[in-house]
Amino acid sequence: MRAGRLRHYRAQFDEPVAVDDGFGGKEEGWIERYACHANIRYLRGGETVQAARLAGRQPVVVTIRALGKAKDITPAWRMRAAGEEWNIRAKAETEDRRHIELTCETGVAV
């Protein structure tokens, strides 16, 4: 993928954390761990994509550079980009190992 295609969106990746609430319990929260430029490609067609849309979810493929902390991203994390929060469903490196492709969805609770 050409570098110019990664400049359209700024993505932040958050890791889930449990913080002590001071009363013996834990509060769930998020901490931003990584931010970078990304390309978001909205998926079209196919039965799975159509079913997701009917359920109020929007599946996308997000491409980022495979640098440093980007390799630490897991499906337990979430992504914030384009004014929305996205749940990461799958992660895969491209064949040339220069980029990481994340399959994400919006519109559902984590």
N, C-alpha and C. Protein backbone atom coordinates (compact mmCIF):
# COMPACT_ATOMS: atom_id res chain seq x y z
N MET A 1 0.84 -1.17 0.00
CA MET A 1 0.00 0.00 0.00
C MET A 1 0.89 1.24 0.00
N ARG A 2 0.51 2.18 -0.78
CA ARG A 2 1.27 3.43 -0.85
C ARG A 2 1.07 4.25 0.42
N ALA A 3 2.11 4.96 0.83
CA ALA A 3 2.09 5.74 2.06
C ALA A 3 1.01 6.80 2.05
N GLY A 4 0.71 7.39 0.90
CA GLY A 4 -0.29 8.44 0.82
C GLY A 4 -1.69 7.99 1.19
N ARG A 5 -1.98 6.70 1.07
CA ARG A 5 -3.31 6.19 1.41
C ARG A 5 -3.51 6.08 2.92
N LEU A 6 -2.43 6.14 3.69
CA LEU A 6 -2.54 6.01 5.15
C LEU A 6 -2.72 7.35 5.85
N ARG A 7 -2.89 8.42 5.11
CA ARG A 7 -2.96 9.73 5.75
C ARG A 7 -4.37 10.25 5.93
N HIS A 8 -5.37 9.53 5.49
CA HIS A 8 -6.73 10.03 5.53
C HIS A 8 -7.37 9.96 6.91
N TYR A 9 -6.95 9.02 7.74
CA TYR A 9 -7.54 8.87 9.06
C TYR A 9 -6.43 8.80 10.11
N ARG A 10 -6.72 9.33 11.28
CA ARG A 10 -5.84 9.22 12.43
C ARG A 10 -6.52 8.26 13.39
N ALA A 11 -5.86 7.16 13.72
CA ALA A 11 -6.45 6.13 14.57
C ALA A 11 -5.72 6.05 15.90
N GLN A 12 -6.48 5.87 16.97
CA GLN A 12 -5.92 5.65 18.29
C GLN A 12 -6.36 4.27 18.75
N PHE A 13 -5.44 3.55 19.36
CA PHE A 13 -5.71 2.20 19.83
C PHE A 13 -5.64 2.17 21.35
N ASP A 14 -6.72 1.67 21.97
CA ASP A 14 -6.84 1.65 23.42
C ASP A 14 -6.82 0.22 23.94
N GLU A 15 -6.13 0.03 25.06
CA GLU A 15 -6.06 -1.27 25.72
C GLU A 15 -6.97 -1.26 26.94
N PRO A 16 -7.72 -2.36 27.18
CA PRO A 16 -8.58 -2.39 28.36
C PRO A 16 -7.74 -2.55 29.63
N VAL A 17 -8.14 -1.85 30.69
CA VAL A 17 -7.45 -1.95 31.97
C VAL A 17 -8.50 -2.00 33.09
N ALA A 18 -8.11 -2.61 34.20
CA ALA A 18 -8.94 -2.62 35.40
C ALA A 18 -8.21 -1.78 36.44
N VAL A 19 -8.87 -0.73 36.92
CA VAL A 19 -8.28 0.20 37.87
C VAL A 19 -8.94 0.01 39.23
N ASP A 20 -8.15 0.00 40.29
CA ASP A 20 -8.68 -0.12 41.65
C ASP A 20 -9.54 1.10 41.96
N ASP A 21 -10.76 0.88 42.43
CA ASP A 21 -11.67 2.00 42.71
C ASP A 21 -11.52 2.55 44.13
N GLY A 22 -10.62 1.98 44.94
CA GLY A 22 -10.39 2.46 46.29
C GLY A 22 -11.30 1.84 47.33
N PHE A 23 -12.25 1.03 46.90
CA PHE A 23 -13.18 0.37 47.82
C PHE A 23 -13.09 -1.15 47.73
N GLY A 24 -11.98 -1.65 47.20
CA GLY A 24 -11.80 -3.10 47.07
C GLY A 24 -12.30 -3.67 45.77
N GLY A 25 -12.83 -2.85 44.91
CA GLY A 25 -13.33 -3.31 43.62
C GLY A 25 -12.48 -2.81 42.47
N LYS A 26 -12.87 -3.18 41.30
CA LYS A 26 -12.16 -2.76 40.09
C LYS A 26 -13.13 -2.06 39.15
N GLU A 27 -12.63 -1.04 38.48
CA GLU A 27 -13.40 -0.35 37.45
C GLU A 27 -12.74 -0.61 36.10
N GLU A 28 -13.55 -0.98 35.14
CA GLU A 28 -13.04 -1.22 33.79
C GLU A 28 -12.84 0.11 33.08
N GLY A 29 -11.79 0.22 32.31
CA GLY A 29 -11.52 1.44 31.57
C GLY A 29 -10.61 1.17 30.38
N TRP A 30 -10.20 2.22 29.73
CA TRP A 30 -9.33 2.12 28.55
C TRP A 30 -8.17 3.10 28.69
N ILE A 31 -7.00 2.68 28.19
CA ILE A 31 -5.83 3.55 28.15
C ILE A 31 -5.30 3.53 26.72
N GLU A 32 -5.08 4.73 26.17
CA GLU A 32 -4.54 4.82 24.82
C GLU A 32 -3.09 4.34 24.83
N ARG A 33 -2.78 3.38 23.96
CA ARG A 33 -1.44 2.80 23.89
C ARG A 33 -0.70 3.14 22.60
N TYR A 34 -1.45 3.44 21.54
CA TYR A 34 -0.79 3.65 20.25
C TYR A 34 -1.68 4.52 19.37
N ALA A 35 -1.06 5.39 18.58
CA ALA A 35 -1.78 6.22 17.61
C ALA A 35 -0.98 6.27 16.32
N CYS A 36 -1.67 6.26 15.19
CA CYS A 36 -0.99 6.28 13.90
C CYS A 36 -1.97 6.68 12.81
N HIS A 37 -1.46 6.82 11.61
CA HIS A 37 -2.30 7.07 10.45
C HIS A 37 -2.79 5.73 9.91
N ALA A 38 -3.98 5.73 9.34
CA ALA A 38 -4.58 4.47 8.90
C ALA A 38 -5.42 4.68 7.64
N ASN A 39 -5.66 3.59 6.95
CA ASN A 39 -6.59 3.56 5.83
C ASN A 39 -7.77 2.69 6.25
N ILE A 40 -8.99 3.18 6.10
CA ILE A 40 -10.18 2.42 6.44
C ILE A 40 -10.92 2.08 5.15
N ARG A 41 -11.14 0.79 4.95
CA ARG A 41 -11.84 0.31 3.76
C ARG A 41 -13.14 -0.36 4.21
N TYR A 42 -14.27 0.25 3.85
CA TYR A 42 -15.57 -0.29 4.22
C TYR A 42 -15.87 -1.51 3.36
N LEU A 43 -16.30 -2.59 4.01
CA LEU A 43 -16.61 -3.82 3.28
C LEU A 43 -18.00 -3.74 2.67
N ARG A 44 -18.14 -4.31 1.48
CA ARG A 44 -19.42 -4.34 0.78
C ARG A 44 -19.71 -5.75 0.32
N GLY A 45 -20.99 -6.04 0.10
CA GLY A 45 -21.39 -7.31 -0.47
C GLY A 45 -21.19 -8.48 0.46
N GLY A 46 -21.56 -9.65 0.00
CA GLY A 46 -21.42 -10.87 0.78
C GLY A 46 -22.51 -10.99 1.84
N GLU A 47 -22.87 -12.22 2.13
CA GLU A 47 -23.94 -12.46 3.10
C GLU A 47 -23.56 -12.00 4.50
N THR A 48 -22.33 -12.24 4.90
CA THR A 48 -21.89 -11.87 6.24
C THR A 48 -21.94 -10.37 6.45
N VAL A 49 -21.47 -9.63 5.45
CA VAL A 49 -21.47 -8.17 5.55
C VAL A 49 -22.90 -7.64 5.57
N GLN A 50 -23.77 -8.18 4.73
CA GLN A 50 -25.16 -7.74 4.71
C GLN A 50 -25.86 -8.05 6.04
N ALA A 51 -25.58 -9.23 6.61
CA ALA A 51 -26.17 -9.59 7.90
C ALA A 51 -25.69 -8.65 9.00
N ALA A 52 -24.41 -8.28 8.97
CA ALA A 52 -23.87 -7.35 9.96
C ALA A 52 -24.55 -6.00 9.84
N ARG A 53 -24.76 -5.54 8.63
CA ARG A 53 -25.42 -4.25 8.44
C ARG A 53 -26.86 -4.27 8.94
N LEU A 54 -27.56 -5.38 8.72
CA LEU A 54 -28.93 -5.49 9.21
C LEU A 54 -28.97 -5.48 10.73
N ALA A 55 -27.89 -5.94 11.36
CA ALA A 55 -27.80 -5.96 12.83
C ALA A 55 -27.27 -4.64 13.37
N GLY A 56 -27.00 -3.67 12.50
CA GLY A 56 -26.55 -2.36 12.94
C GLY A 56 -25.05 -2.24 13.12
N ARG A 57 -24.29 -3.15 12.52
CA ARG A 57 -22.83 -3.10 12.62
C ARG A 57 -22.24 -2.77 11.25
N GLN A 58 -21.10 -2.10 11.24
CA GLN A 58 -20.41 -1.76 10.00
C GLN A 58 -19.02 -2.40 10.01
N PRO A 59 -18.79 -3.46 9.24
CA PRO A 59 -17.47 -4.07 9.18
C PRO A 59 -16.52 -3.30 8.25
N VAL A 60 -15.27 -3.19 8.66
CA VAL A 60 -14.24 -2.50 7.88
C VAL A 60 -12.92 -3.26 7.99
N VAL A 61 -12.01 -2.97 7.07
CA VAL A 61 -10.63 -3.43 7.16
C VAL A 61 -9.77 -2.20 7.30
N VAL A 62 -8.99 -2.14 8.38
CA VAL A 62 -8.13 -1.01 8.68
C VAL A 62 -6.70 -1.43 8.44
N THR A 63 -5.96 -0.65 7.64
CA THR A 63 -4.57 -0.95 7.35
C THR A 63 -3.68 0.09 8.03
N ILE A 64 -2.69 -0.41 8.78
CA ILE A 64 -1.71 0.45 9.44
C ILE A 64 -0.32 -0.10 9.17
N ARG A 65 0.70 0.72 9.39
CA ARG A 65 2.07 0.25 9.23
C ARG A 65 2.45 -0.69 10.38
N ALA A 66 3.22 -1.71 10.09
CA ALA A 66 3.66 -2.69 11.10
C ALA A 66 4.93 -2.20 11.76
N LEU A 67 4.79 -1.22 12.64
CA LEU A 67 5.94 -0.64 13.33
C LEU A 67 5.76 -0.76 14.84
N GLY A 68 6.82 -1.02 15.56
CA GLY A 68 6.87 -0.97 17.01
C GLY A 68 5.64 -1.48 17.73
N LYS A 69 4.95 -0.58 18.41
CA LYS A 69 3.81 -0.94 19.25
C LYS A 69 2.60 -1.44 18.46
N ALA A 70 2.57 -1.21 17.17
CA ALA A 70 1.44 -1.69 16.36
C ALA A 70 1.37 -3.21 16.41
N LYS A 71 2.49 -3.86 16.59
CA LYS A 71 2.51 -5.32 16.66
C LYS A 71 1.92 -5.84 17.96
N ASP A 72 1.76 -4.97 18.97
CA ASP A 72 1.19 -5.36 20.26
C ASP A 72 -0.33 -5.35 20.25
N ILE A 73 -0.95 -4.77 19.25
CA ILE A 73 -2.42 -4.66 19.19
C ILE A 73 -3.03 -6.06 19.14
N THR A 74 -4.08 -6.27 19.95
CA THR A 74 -4.79 -7.55 19.97
C THR A 74 -6.28 -7.29 19.76
N PRO A 75 -7.06 -8.35 19.48
CA PRO A 75 -8.52 -8.17 19.36
C PRO A 75 -9.21 -7.71 20.65
N ALA A 76 -8.51 -7.75 21.78
CA ALA A 76 -9.10 -7.25 23.03
C ALA A 76 -9.11 -5.72 23.06
N TRP A 77 -8.30 -5.09 22.24
CA TRP A 77 -8.21 -3.63 22.20
C TRP A 77 -9.37 -3.06 21.39
N ARG A 78 -9.48 -1.73 21.40
CA ARG A 78 -10.45 -1.04 20.54
C ARG A 78 -9.71 0.05 19.76
N MET A 79 -10.34 0.49 18.69
CA MET A 79 -9.77 1.55 17.87
C MET A 79 -10.75 2.71 17.85
N ARG A 80 -10.21 3.93 17.88
CA ARG A 80 -11.02 5.13 17.72
C ARG A 80 -10.53 5.85 16.47
N ALA A 81 -11.44 6.05 15.54
CA ALA A 81 -11.10 6.75 14.29
C ALA A 81 -12.40 7.21 13.63
N ALA A 82 -12.29 8.24 12.82
CA ALA A 82 -13.43 8.78 12.06
C ALA A 82 -14.60 9.10 12.97
N GLY A 83 -14.32 9.52 14.21
CA GLY A 83 -15.37 9.92 15.13
C GLY A 83 -16.15 8.77 15.74
N GLU A 84 -15.65 7.55 15.63
CA GLU A 84 -16.35 6.38 16.15
C GLU A 84 -15.39 5.47 16.89
N GLU A 85 -15.97 4.56 17.69
CA GLU A 85 -15.19 3.53 18.36
C GLU A 85 -15.42 2.22 17.60
N TRP A 86 -14.34 1.49 17.39
CA TRP A 86 -14.40 0.26 16.60
C TRP A 86 -13.87 -0.90 17.44
N ASN A 87 -14.57 -2.02 17.41
CA ASN A 87 -14.11 -3.24 18.06
C ASN A 87 -13.22 -4.00 17.09
N ILE A 88 -12.06 -4.39 17.54
CA ILE A 88 -11.13 -5.14 16.69
C ILE A 88 -11.52 -6.61 16.75
N ARG A 89 -11.79 -7.21 15.61
CA ARG A 89 -12.21 -8.61 15.54
C ARG A 89 -11.08 -9.55 15.15
N ALA A 90 -10.18 -9.11 14.28
CA ALA A 90 -9.08 -9.97 13.82
C ALA A 90 -7.90 -9.12 13.40
N LYS A 91 -6.71 -9.71 13.44
CA LYS A 91 -5.47 -9.01 13.08
C LYS A 91 -4.64 -9.93 12.20
N ALA A 92 -4.08 -9.38 11.12
CA ALA A 92 -3.23 -10.17 10.23
C ALA A 92 -2.18 -9.27 9.58
N GLU A 93 -0.97 -9.79 9.44
CA GLU A 93 0.07 -9.06 8.71
C GLU A 93 -0.07 -9.34 7.23
N THR A 94 0.29 -8.36 6.41
CA THR A 94 0.28 -8.58 4.97
C THR A 94 1.46 -9.48 4.60
N GLU A 95 1.47 -10.00 3.39
CA GLU A 95 2.53 -10.91 2.96
C GLU A 95 3.91 -10.28 3.02
N ASP A 96 4.01 -9.00 2.71
CA ASP A 96 5.32 -8.34 2.73
C ASP A 96 5.72 -7.87 4.13
N ARG A 97 4.86 -8.07 5.13
CA ARG A 97 5.10 -7.73 6.54
C ARG A 97 5.31 -6.24 6.79
N ARG A 98 4.92 -5.41 5.87
CA ARG A 98 5.04 -3.96 6.04
C ARG A 98 3.82 -3.36 6.70
N HIS A 99 2.68 -4.02 6.59
CA HIS A 99 1.43 -3.49 7.10
C HIS A 99 0.69 -4.54 7.92
N ILE A 100 -0.19 -4.05 8.78
CA ILE A 100 -1.09 -4.89 9.55
C ILE A 100 -2.51 -4.55 9.12
N GLU A 101 -3.32 -5.57 8.88
CA GLU A 101 -4.73 -5.38 8.53
C GLU A 101 -5.59 -5.83 9.70
N LEU A 102 -6.44 -4.94 10.16
CA LEU A 102 -7.33 -5.22 11.28
C LEU A 102 -8.76 -5.26 10.77
N THR A 103 -9.47 -6.32 11.07
CA THR A 103 -10.89 -6.39 10.76
C THR A 103 -11.62 -5.83 11.97
N CYS A 104 -12.41 -4.78 11.76
CA CYS A 104 -13.06 -4.08 12.87
C CYS A 104 -14.55 -3.92 12.57
N GLU A 105 -15.32 -3.70 13.65
CA GLU A 105 -16.76 -3.44 13.53
C GLU A 105 -17.12 -2.29 14.46
N THR A 106 -18.10 -1.54 14.06
CA THR A 106 -18.67 -0.50 14.92
C THR A 106 -20.14 -0.80 15.11
N GLY A 107 -20.72 -0.22 16.15
CA GLY A 107 -22.15 -0.38 16.36
C GLY A 107 -22.53 -1.43 17.37
N VAL A 108 -21.56 -2.11 17.98
CA VAL A 108 -21.88 -3.13 18.99
C VAL A 108 -21.09 -2.85 20.24
N ALA A 109 -21.59 -3.31 21.35
CA ALA A 109 -20.87 -3.14 22.63
C ALA A 109 -19.67 -4.08 22.67
N VAL A 110 -18.67 -3.68 23.42
CA VAL A 110 -17.45 -4.49 23.54
C VAL A 110 -17.72 -5.68 24.41
